[in-house]
Structures are given as structure tokens and as C-alpha cells.
Amino acid sequence: MMIKNGVPAGEITGVTWLKARASVGAGECVEVASLPEGGVAMRNSRHPDGPALIFTKAELRAFLTGVKDSEFDDLAA
């Protein structure tokens, strides 16, 4: 099954959703799952059956590099 952007996250089966240990426990987290075909799915933990965004590993790596380089810090200020 090819999983595409916007698919209801509840329809993505056979994966393990992960969230950061820094999540505050009030549902304010983003969860990610490695997909069998090599991509990465991302969902909002407050809406686990809502739409999932699907990224390639290269796209996720580029985003994480930006996070580590503080490129998005102003978004959380």
C-alpha cells in the first residue's frame, strides 16, 4: 500500500508511533512513524485519526537539520 499525504493516520497500520520525551503530556505533541516503504508519517497526537503528513527520509533529515541549527526557534517563542 502506497501511503500518501493527507491519509487518515488511523488508516496507517502496522507502524509504531513515537513522540518526544519532552512532550508535556497534555496532548501537545507531534508523533512520527517509520513507514514500510521508507518514508516517515507525522500526525498530531490530539487528532490521532486526523490526516498524516508523509515525508521522505531526506525531507525529514533536512527539517531536522534546520531544527538543530535553530532556524525555527522564532516559531515557538
PDB file of N, CA and C in Angstrom:
ATOM      1  N   MET A   1       0.849  -1.190   0.000  1.00  0.00           N
ATOM      2  CA  MET A   1       0.000   0.000   0.000  1.00  0.00           C
ATOM      3  C   MET A   1       0.888   1.244   0.000  1.00  0.00           C
ATOM      4  N   MET A   2       0.686   2.125  -0.953  1.00  0.00           N
ATOM      5  CA  MET A   2       1.413   3.378  -1.007  1.00  0.00           C
ATOM      6  C   MET A   2       0.639   4.402  -0.185  1.00  0.00           C
ATOM      7  N   ILE A   3       1.278   4.929   0.836  1.00  0.00           N
ATOM      8  CA  ILE A   3       0.632   5.888   1.724  1.00  0.00           C
ATOM      9  C   ILE A   3       0.938   7.292   1.213  1.00  0.00           C
ATOM     10  N   LYS A   4      -0.108   8.136   1.089  1.00  0.00           N
ATOM     11  CA  LYS A   4       0.047   9.480   0.531  1.00  0.00           C
ATOM     12  C   LYS A   4      -0.335  10.526   1.569  1.00  0.00           C
ATOM     13  N   ASN A   5       0.145  11.753   1.366  1.00  0.00           N
ATOM     14  CA  ASN A   5      -0.193  12.862   2.249  1.00  0.00           C
ATOM     15  C   ASN A   5      -1.695  12.988   2.419  1.00  0.00           C
ATOM     16  N   GLY A   6      -2.099  13.271   3.647  1.00  0.00           N
ATOM     17  CA  GLY A   6      -3.498  13.511   3.937  1.00  0.00           C
ATOM     18  C   GLY A   6      -4.301  12.275   4.282  1.00  0.00           C
ATOM     19  N   VAL A   7      -3.707  11.098   4.176  1.00  0.00           N
ATOM     20  CA  VAL A   7      -4.430   9.886   4.541  1.00  0.00           C
ATOM     21  C   VAL A   7      -4.748   9.956   6.031  1.00  0.00           C
ATOM     22  N   PRO A   8      -5.924   9.513   6.471  1.00  0.00           N
ATOM     23  CA  PRO A   8      -6.198   9.483   7.905  1.00  0.00           C
ATOM     24  C   PRO A   8      -5.142   8.627   8.610  1.00  0.00           C
ATOM     25  N   ALA A   9      -4.510   9.195   9.622  1.00  0.00           N
ATOM     26  CA  ALA A   9      -3.441   8.490  10.334  1.00  0.00           C
ATOM     27  C   ALA A   9      -3.919   7.159  10.899  1.00  0.00           C
ATOM     28  N   GLY A  10      -5.188   7.070  11.249  1.00  0.00           N
ATOM     29  CA  GLY A  10      -5.737   5.822  11.771  1.00  0.00           C
ATOM     30  C   GLY A  10      -5.737   4.690  10.759  1.00  0.00           C
ATOM     31  N   GLU A  11      -5.604   5.033   9.484  1.00  0.00           N
ATOM     32  CA  GLU A  11      -5.553   4.015   8.428  1.00  0.00           C
ATOM     33  C   GLU A  11      -4.140   3.480   8.208  1.00  0.00           C
ATOM     34  N   ILE A  12      -3.149   4.107   8.843  1.00  0.00           N
ATOM     35  CA  ILE A  12      -1.770   3.642   8.719  1.00  0.00           C
ATOM     36  C   ILE A  12      -1.564   2.590   9.795  1.00  0.00           C
ATOM     37  N   THR A  13      -1.512   1.349   9.371  1.00  0.00           N
ATOM     38  CA  THR A  13      -1.422   0.244  10.330  1.00  0.00           C
ATOM     39  C   THR A  13      -0.054  -0.425  10.271  1.00  0.00           C
ATOM     40  N   GLY A  14       0.244  -1.164  11.323  1.00  0.00           N
ATOM     41  CA  GLY A  14       1.487  -1.919  11.359  1.00  0.00           C
ATOM     42  C   GLY A  14       2.713  -1.061  11.621  1.00  0.00           C
ATOM     43  N   VAL A  15       2.530   0.149  12.155  1.00  0.00           N
ATOM     44  CA  VAL A  15       3.654   1.029  12.476  1.00  0.00           C
ATOM     45  C   VAL A  15       3.608   1.364  13.965  1.00  0.00           C
ATOM     46  N   THR A  16       4.707   1.851  14.477  1.00  0.00           N
ATOM     47  CA  THR A  16       4.775   2.311  15.858  1.00  0.00           C
ATOM     48  C   THR A  16       4.942   3.819  15.854  1.00  0.00           C
ATOM     49  N   TRP A  17       3.985   4.518  16.449  1.00  0.00           N
ATOM     50  CA  TRP A  17       4.048   5.973  16.536  1.00  0.00           C
ATOM     51  C   TRP A  17       4.922   6.358  17.727  1.00  0.00           C
ATOM     52  N   LEU A  18       5.838   7.302  17.506  1.00  0.00           N
ATOM     53  CA  LEU A  18       6.768   7.758  18.530  1.00  0.00           C
ATOM     54  C   LEU A  18       6.563   9.240  18.790  1.00  0.00           C
ATOM     55  N   LYS A  19       6.772   9.662  20.043  1.00  0.00           N
ATOM     56  CA  LYS A  19       6.753  11.092  20.349  1.00  0.00           C
ATOM     57  C   LYS A  19       7.927  11.412  21.253  1.00  0.00           C
ATOM     58  N   ALA A  20       8.312  12.658  21.277  1.00  0.00           N
ATOM     59  CA  ALA A  20       9.473  13.086  22.051  1.00  0.00           C
ATOM     60  C   ALA A  20       9.223  12.940  23.547  1.00  0.00           C
ATOM     61  N   ARG A  21      10.273  12.592  24.267  1.00  0.00           N
ATOM     62  CA  ARG A  21      10.179  12.524  25.728  1.00  0.00           C
ATOM     63  C   ARG A  21       9.851  13.887  26.314  1.00  0.00           C
ATOM     64  N   ALA A  22      10.165  14.955  25.602  1.00  0.00           N
ATOM     65  CA  ALA A  22       9.908  16.307  26.093  1.00  0.00           C
ATOM     66  C   ALA A  22       8.441  16.707  25.996  1.00  0.00           C
ATOM     67  N   SER A  23       7.596  15.874  25.422  1.00  0.00           N
ATOM     68  CA  SER A  23       6.167  16.180  25.330  1.00  0.00           C
ATOM     69  C   SER A  23       5.618  16.383  26.733  1.00  0.00           C
ATOM     70  N   VAL A  24       4.768  17.383  26.903  1.00  0.00           N
ATOM     71  CA  VAL A  24       4.304  17.759  28.236  1.00  0.00           C
ATOM     72  C   VAL A  24       3.160  16.890  28.753  1.00  0.00           C
ATOM     73  N   GLY A  25       2.643  15.999  27.980  1.00  0.00           N
ATOM     74  CA  GLY A  25       1.603  15.090  28.452  1.00  0.00           C
ATOM     75  C   GLY A  25       0.188  15.608  28.316  1.00  0.00           C
ATOM     76  N   ALA A  26       0.014  16.800  27.798  1.00  0.00           N
ATOM     77  CA  ALA A  26      -1.324  17.362  27.637  1.00  0.00           C
ATOM     78  C   ALA A  26      -1.779  17.272  26.178  1.00  0.00           C
ATOM     79  N   GLY A  27      -1.187  16.360  25.432  1.00  0.00           N
ATOM     80  CA  GLY A  27      -1.571  16.184  24.045  1.00  0.00           C
ATOM     81  C   GLY A  27      -0.925  17.173  23.099  1.00  0.00           C
ATOM     82  N   GLU A  28       0.125  17.858  23.550  1.00  0.00           N
ATOM     83  CA  GLU A  28       0.792  18.841  22.704  1.00  0.00           C
ATOM     84  C   GLU A  28       2.008  18.237  22.032  1.00  0.00           C
ATOM     85  N   CYS A  29       1.794  17.176  21.302  1.00  0.00           N
ATOM     86  CA  CYS A  29       2.932  16.519  20.688  1.00  0.00           C
ATOM     87  C   CYS A  29       2.660  16.178  19.233  1.00  0.00           C
ATOM     88  N   VAL A  30       3.753  16.041  18.548  1.00  0.00           N
ATOM     89  CA  VAL A  30       3.754  15.531  17.185  1.00  0.00           C
ATOM     90  C   VAL A  30       4.295  14.115  17.286  1.00  0.00           C
ATOM     91  N   GLU A  31       3.664  13.193  16.602  1.00  0.00           N
ATOM     92  CA  GLU A  31       4.117  11.803  16.606  1.00  0.00           C
ATOM     93  C   GLU A  31       4.588  11.434  15.205  1.00  0.00           C
ATOM     94  N   VAL A  32       5.618  10.602  15.145  1.00  0.00           N
ATOM     95  CA  VAL A  32       6.158  10.158  13.867  1.00  0.00           C
ATOM     96  C   VAL A  32       6.215   8.643  13.829  1.00  0.00           C
ATOM     97  N   ALA A  33       6.159   8.103  12.632  1.00  0.00           N
ATOM     98  CA  ALA A  33       6.256   6.653  12.437  1.00  0.00           C
ATOM     99  C   ALA A  33       7.029   6.379  11.159  1.00  0.00           C
ATOM    100  N   SER A  34       7.903   5.407  11.226  1.00  0.00           N
ATOM    101  CA  SER A  34       8.636   4.956  10.050  1.00  0.00           C
ATOM    102  C   SER A  34       7.706   4.066   9.231  1.00  0.00           C
ATOM    103  N   LEU A  35       7.628   4.317   7.938  1.00  0.00           N
ATOM    104  CA  LEU A  35       6.732   3.571   7.056  1.00  0.00           C
ATOM    105  C   LEU A  35       7.474   2.441   6.348  1.00  0.00           C
ATOM    106  N   PRO A  36       6.788   1.356   6.062  1.00  0.00           N
ATOM    107  CA  PRO A  36       7.426   0.206   5.418  1.00  0.00           C
ATOM    108  C   PRO A  36       8.112   0.547   4.094  1.00  0.00           C
ATOM    109  N   GLU A  37       7.550   1.485   3.339  1.00  0.00           N
ATOM    110  CA  GLU A  37       8.153   1.813   2.046  1.00  0.00           C
ATOM    111  C   GLU A  37       9.269   2.840   2.153  1.00  0.00           C
ATOM    112  N   GLY A  38       9.667   3.210   3.394  1.00  0.00           N
ATOM    113  CA  GLY A  38      10.832   4.054   3.594  1.00  0.00           C
ATOM    114  C   GLY A  38      10.561   5.485   3.995  1.00  0.00           C
ATOM    115  N   GLY A  39       9.334   5.936   3.923  1.00  0.00           N
ATOM    116  CA  GLY A  39       9.008   7.301   4.312  1.00  0.00           C
ATOM    117  C   GLY A  39       8.767   7.415   5.812  1.00  0.00           C
ATOM    118  N   VAL A  40       8.358   8.605   6.205  1.00  0.00           N
ATOM    119  CA  VAL A  40       8.047   8.885   7.598  1.00  0.00           C
ATOM    120  C   VAL A  40       6.693   9.588   7.637  1.00  0.00           C
ATOM    121  N   ALA A  41       5.795   9.098   8.498  1.00  0.00           N
ATOM    122  CA  ALA A  41       4.490   9.724   8.681  1.00  0.00           C
ATOM    123  C   ALA A  41       4.535  10.589   9.928  1.00  0.00           C
ATOM    124  N   MET A  42       3.796  11.703   9.918  1.00  0.00           N
ATOM    125  CA  MET A  42       3.728  12.605  11.057  1.00  0.00           C
ATOM    126  C   MET A  42       2.259  12.933  11.313  1.00  0.00           C
ATOM    127  N   ARG A  43       1.872  12.908  12.598  1.00  0.00           N
ATOM    128  CA  ARG A  43       0.490  13.224  12.951  1.00  0.00           C
ATOM    129  C   ARG A  43       0.456  14.070  14.224  1.00  0.00           C
ATOM    130  N   ASN A  44      -0.672  14.713  14.448  1.00  0.00           N
ATOM    131  CA  ASN A  44      -0.920  15.483  15.654  1.00  0.00           C
ATOM    132  C   ASN A  44      -1.491  14.523  16.693  1.00  0.00           C
ATOM    133  N   SER A  45      -0.872  14.433  17.863  1.00  0.00           N
ATOM    134  CA  SER A  45      -1.328  13.465  18.864  1.00  0.00           C
ATOM    135  C   SER A  45      -2.728  13.774  19.391  1.00  0.00           C
ATOM    136  N   ARG A  46      -3.170  15.024  19.278  1.00  0.00           N
ATOM    137  CA  ARG A  46      -4.533  15.361  19.715  1.00  0.00           C
ATOM    138  C   ARG A  46      -5.583  14.848  18.744  1.00  0.00           C
ATOM    139  N   HIS A  47      -5.159  14.534  17.539  1.00  0.00           N
ATOM    140  CA  HIS A  47      -6.073  14.043  16.497  1.00  0.00           C
ATOM    141  C   HIS A  47      -5.454  12.808  15.843  1.00  0.00           C
ATOM    142  N   PRO A  48      -5.338  11.698  16.580  1.00  0.00           N
ATOM    143  CA  PRO A  48      -4.626  10.528  16.065  1.00  0.00           C
ATOM    144  C   PRO A  48      -5.249   9.903  14.818  1.00  0.00           C
ATOM    145  N   ASP A  49      -6.496  10.202  14.539  1.00  0.00           N
ATOM    146  CA  ASP A  49      -7.115   9.689  13.324  1.00  0.00           C
ATOM    147  C   ASP A  49      -7.205  10.744  12.233  1.00  0.00           C
ATOM    148  N   GLY A  50      -6.684  11.937  12.522  1.00  0.00           N
ATOM    149  CA  GLY A  50      -6.680  13.020  11.545  1.00  0.00           C
ATOM    150  C   GLY A  50      -5.681  12.747  10.437  1.00  0.00           C
ATOM    151  N   PRO A  51      -5.503  13.710   9.550  1.00  0.00           N
ATOM    152  CA  PRO A  51      -4.610  13.496   8.415  1.00  0.00           C
ATOM    153  C   PRO A  51      -3.150  13.384   8.838  1.00  0.00           C
ATOM    154  N   ALA A  52      -2.417  12.556   8.129  1.00  0.00           N
ATOM    155  CA  ALA A  52      -0.986  12.397   8.353  1.00  0.00           C
ATOM    156  C   ALA A  52      -0.233  13.057   7.206  1.00  0.00           C
ATOM    157  N   LEU A  53       0.880  13.669   7.548  1.00  0.00           N
ATOM    158  CA  LEU A  53       1.787  14.180   6.535  1.00  0.00           C
ATOM    159  C   LEU A  53       2.850  13.121   6.295  1.00  0.00           C
ATOM    160  N   ILE A  54       3.208  12.915   5.058  1.00  0.00           N
ATOM    161  CA  ILE A  54       4.182  11.887   4.692  1.00  0.00           C
ATOM    162  C   ILE A  54       5.412  12.576   4.099  1.00  0.00           C
ATOM    163  N   PHE A  55       6.576  12.221   4.633  1.00  0.00           N
ATOM    164  CA  PHE A  55       7.837  12.806   4.182  1.00  0.00           C
ATOM    165  C   PHE A  55       8.800  11.704   3.781  1.00  0.00           C
ATOM    166  N   THR A  56       9.691  12.036   2.865  1.00  0.00           N
ATOM    167  CA  THR A  56      10.796  11.130   2.591  1.00  0.00           C
ATOM    168  C   THR A  56      11.802  11.293   3.731  1.00  0.00           C
ATOM    169  N   LYS A  57      12.700  10.336   3.855  1.00  0.00           N
ATOM    170  CA  LYS A  57      13.729  10.459   4.892  1.00  0.00           C
ATOM    171  C   LYS A  57      14.622  11.669   4.618  1.00  0.00           C
ATOM    172  N   ALA A  58      14.874  11.988   3.348  1.00  0.00           N
ATOM    173  CA  ALA A  58      15.685  13.159   3.005  1.00  0.00           C
ATOM    174  C   ALA A  58      14.985  14.452   3.435  1.00  0.00           C
ATOM    175  N   GLU A  59      13.678  14.525   3.232  1.00  0.00           N
ATOM    176  CA  GLU A  59      12.925  15.708   3.655  1.00  0.00           C
ATOM    177  C   GLU A  59      12.963  15.865   5.169  1.00  0.00           C
ATOM    178  N   LEU A  60      12.763  14.770   5.887  1.00  0.00           N
ATOM    179  CA  LEU A  60      12.808  14.824   7.344  1.00  0.00           C
ATOM    180  C   LEU A  60      14.204  15.205   7.828  1.00  0.00           C
ATOM    181  N   ARG A  61      15.225  14.655   7.203  1.00  0.00           N
ATOM    182  CA  ARG A  61      16.608  14.976   7.569  1.00  0.00           C
ATOM    183  C   ARG A  61      16.880  16.473   7.376  1.00  0.00           C
ATOM    184  N   ALA A  62      16.409  17.064   6.279  1.00  0.00           N
ATOM    185  CA  ALA A  62      16.595  18.493   6.027  1.00  0.00           C
ATOM    186  C   ALA A  62      15.882  19.325   7.094  1.00  0.00           C
ATOM    187  N   PHE A  63      14.672  18.924   7.468  1.00  0.00           N
ATOM    188  CA  PHE A  63      13.932  19.638   8.506  1.00  0.00           C
ATOM    189  C   PHE A  63      14.649  19.548   9.851  1.00  0.00           C
ATOM    190  N   LEU A  64      15.088  18.350  10.218  1.00  0.00           N
ATOM    191  CA  LEU A  64      15.781  18.179  11.495  1.00  0.00           C
ATOM    192  C   LEU A  64      17.087  18.955  11.546  1.00  0.00           C
ATOM    193  N   THR A  65      17.763  19.057  10.426  1.00  0.00           N
ATOM    194  CA  THR A  65      18.976  19.875  10.376  1.00  0.00           C
ATOM    195  C   THR A  65      18.634  21.334  10.672  1.00  0.00           C
ATOM    196  N   GLY A  66      17.547  21.820  10.084  1.00  0.00           N
ATOM    197  CA  GLY A  66      17.101  23.186  10.357  1.00  0.00           C
ATOM    198  C   GLY A  66      16.729  23.386  11.821  1.00  0.00           C
ATOM    199  N   VAL A  67      16.080  22.407  12.420  1.00  0.00           N
ATOM    200  CA  VAL A  67      15.732  22.487  13.845  1.00  0.00           C
ATOM    201  C   VAL A  67      17.000  22.560  14.685  1.00  0.00           C
ATOM    202  N   LYS A  68      17.947  21.684  14.419  1.00  0.00           N
ATOM    203  CA  LYS A  68      19.203  21.668  15.178  1.00  0.00           C
ATOM    204  C   LYS A  68      19.983  22.956  15.010  1.00  0.00           C
ATOM    205  N   ASP A  69      19.835  23.618  13.865  1.00  0.00           N
ATOM    206  CA  ASP A  69      20.527  24.881  13.604  1.00  0.00           C
ATOM    207  C   ASP A  69      19.718  26.097  14.065  1.00  0.00           C
ATOM    208  N   SER A  70      18.641  25.860  14.822  1.00  0.00           N
ATOM    209  CA  SER A  70      17.796  26.922  15.422  1.00  0.00           C
ATOM    210  C   SER A  70      17.061  27.771  14.390  1.00  0.00           C
ATOM    211  N   GLU A  71      16.870  27.257  13.179  1.00  0.00           N
ATOM    212  CA  GLU A  71      16.211  28.036  12.137  1.00  0.00           C
ATOM    213  C   GLU A  71      14.733  28.300  12.400  1.00  0.00           C
ATOM    214  N   PHE A  72      14.120  27.536  13.284  1.00  0.00           N
ATOM    215  CA  PHE A  72      12.683  27.680  13.523  1.00  0.00           C
ATOM    216  C   PHE A  72      12.364  28.111  14.944  1.00  0.00           C
ATOM    217  N   ASP A  73      13.370  28.516  15.712  1.00  0.00           N
ATOM    218  CA  ASP A  73      13.157  28.875  17.115  1.00  0.00           C
ATOM    219  C   ASP A  73      12.112  29.976  17.288  1.00  0.00           C
ATOM    220  N   ASP A  74      12.025  30.920  16.358  1.00  0.00           N
ATOM    221  CA  ASP A  74      11.065  32.009  16.496  1.00  0.00           C
ATOM    222  C   ASP A  74       9.622  31.519  16.432  1.00  0.00           C
ATOM    223  N   LEU A  75       9.374  30.349  15.884  1.00  0.00           N
ATOM    224  CA  LEU A  75       8.018  29.823  15.806  1.00  0.00           C
ATOM    225  C   LEU A  75       7.492  29.381  17.171  1.00  0.00           C
ATOM    226  N   ALA A  76       8.375  29.056  18.087  1.00  0.00           N
ATOM    227  CA  ALA A  76       7.977  28.587  19.422  1.00  0.00           C
ATOM    228  C   ALA A  76       8.077  29.694  20.471  1.00  0.00           C
ATOM    229  N   ALA A  77       8.466  30.883  20.051  1.00  0.00           N
ATOM    230  CA  ALA A  77       8.642  32.000  21.000  1.00  0.00           C
ATOM    231  C   ALA A  77       7.302  32.573  21.430  1.00  0.00           C
TER     232      ALA A  77
END
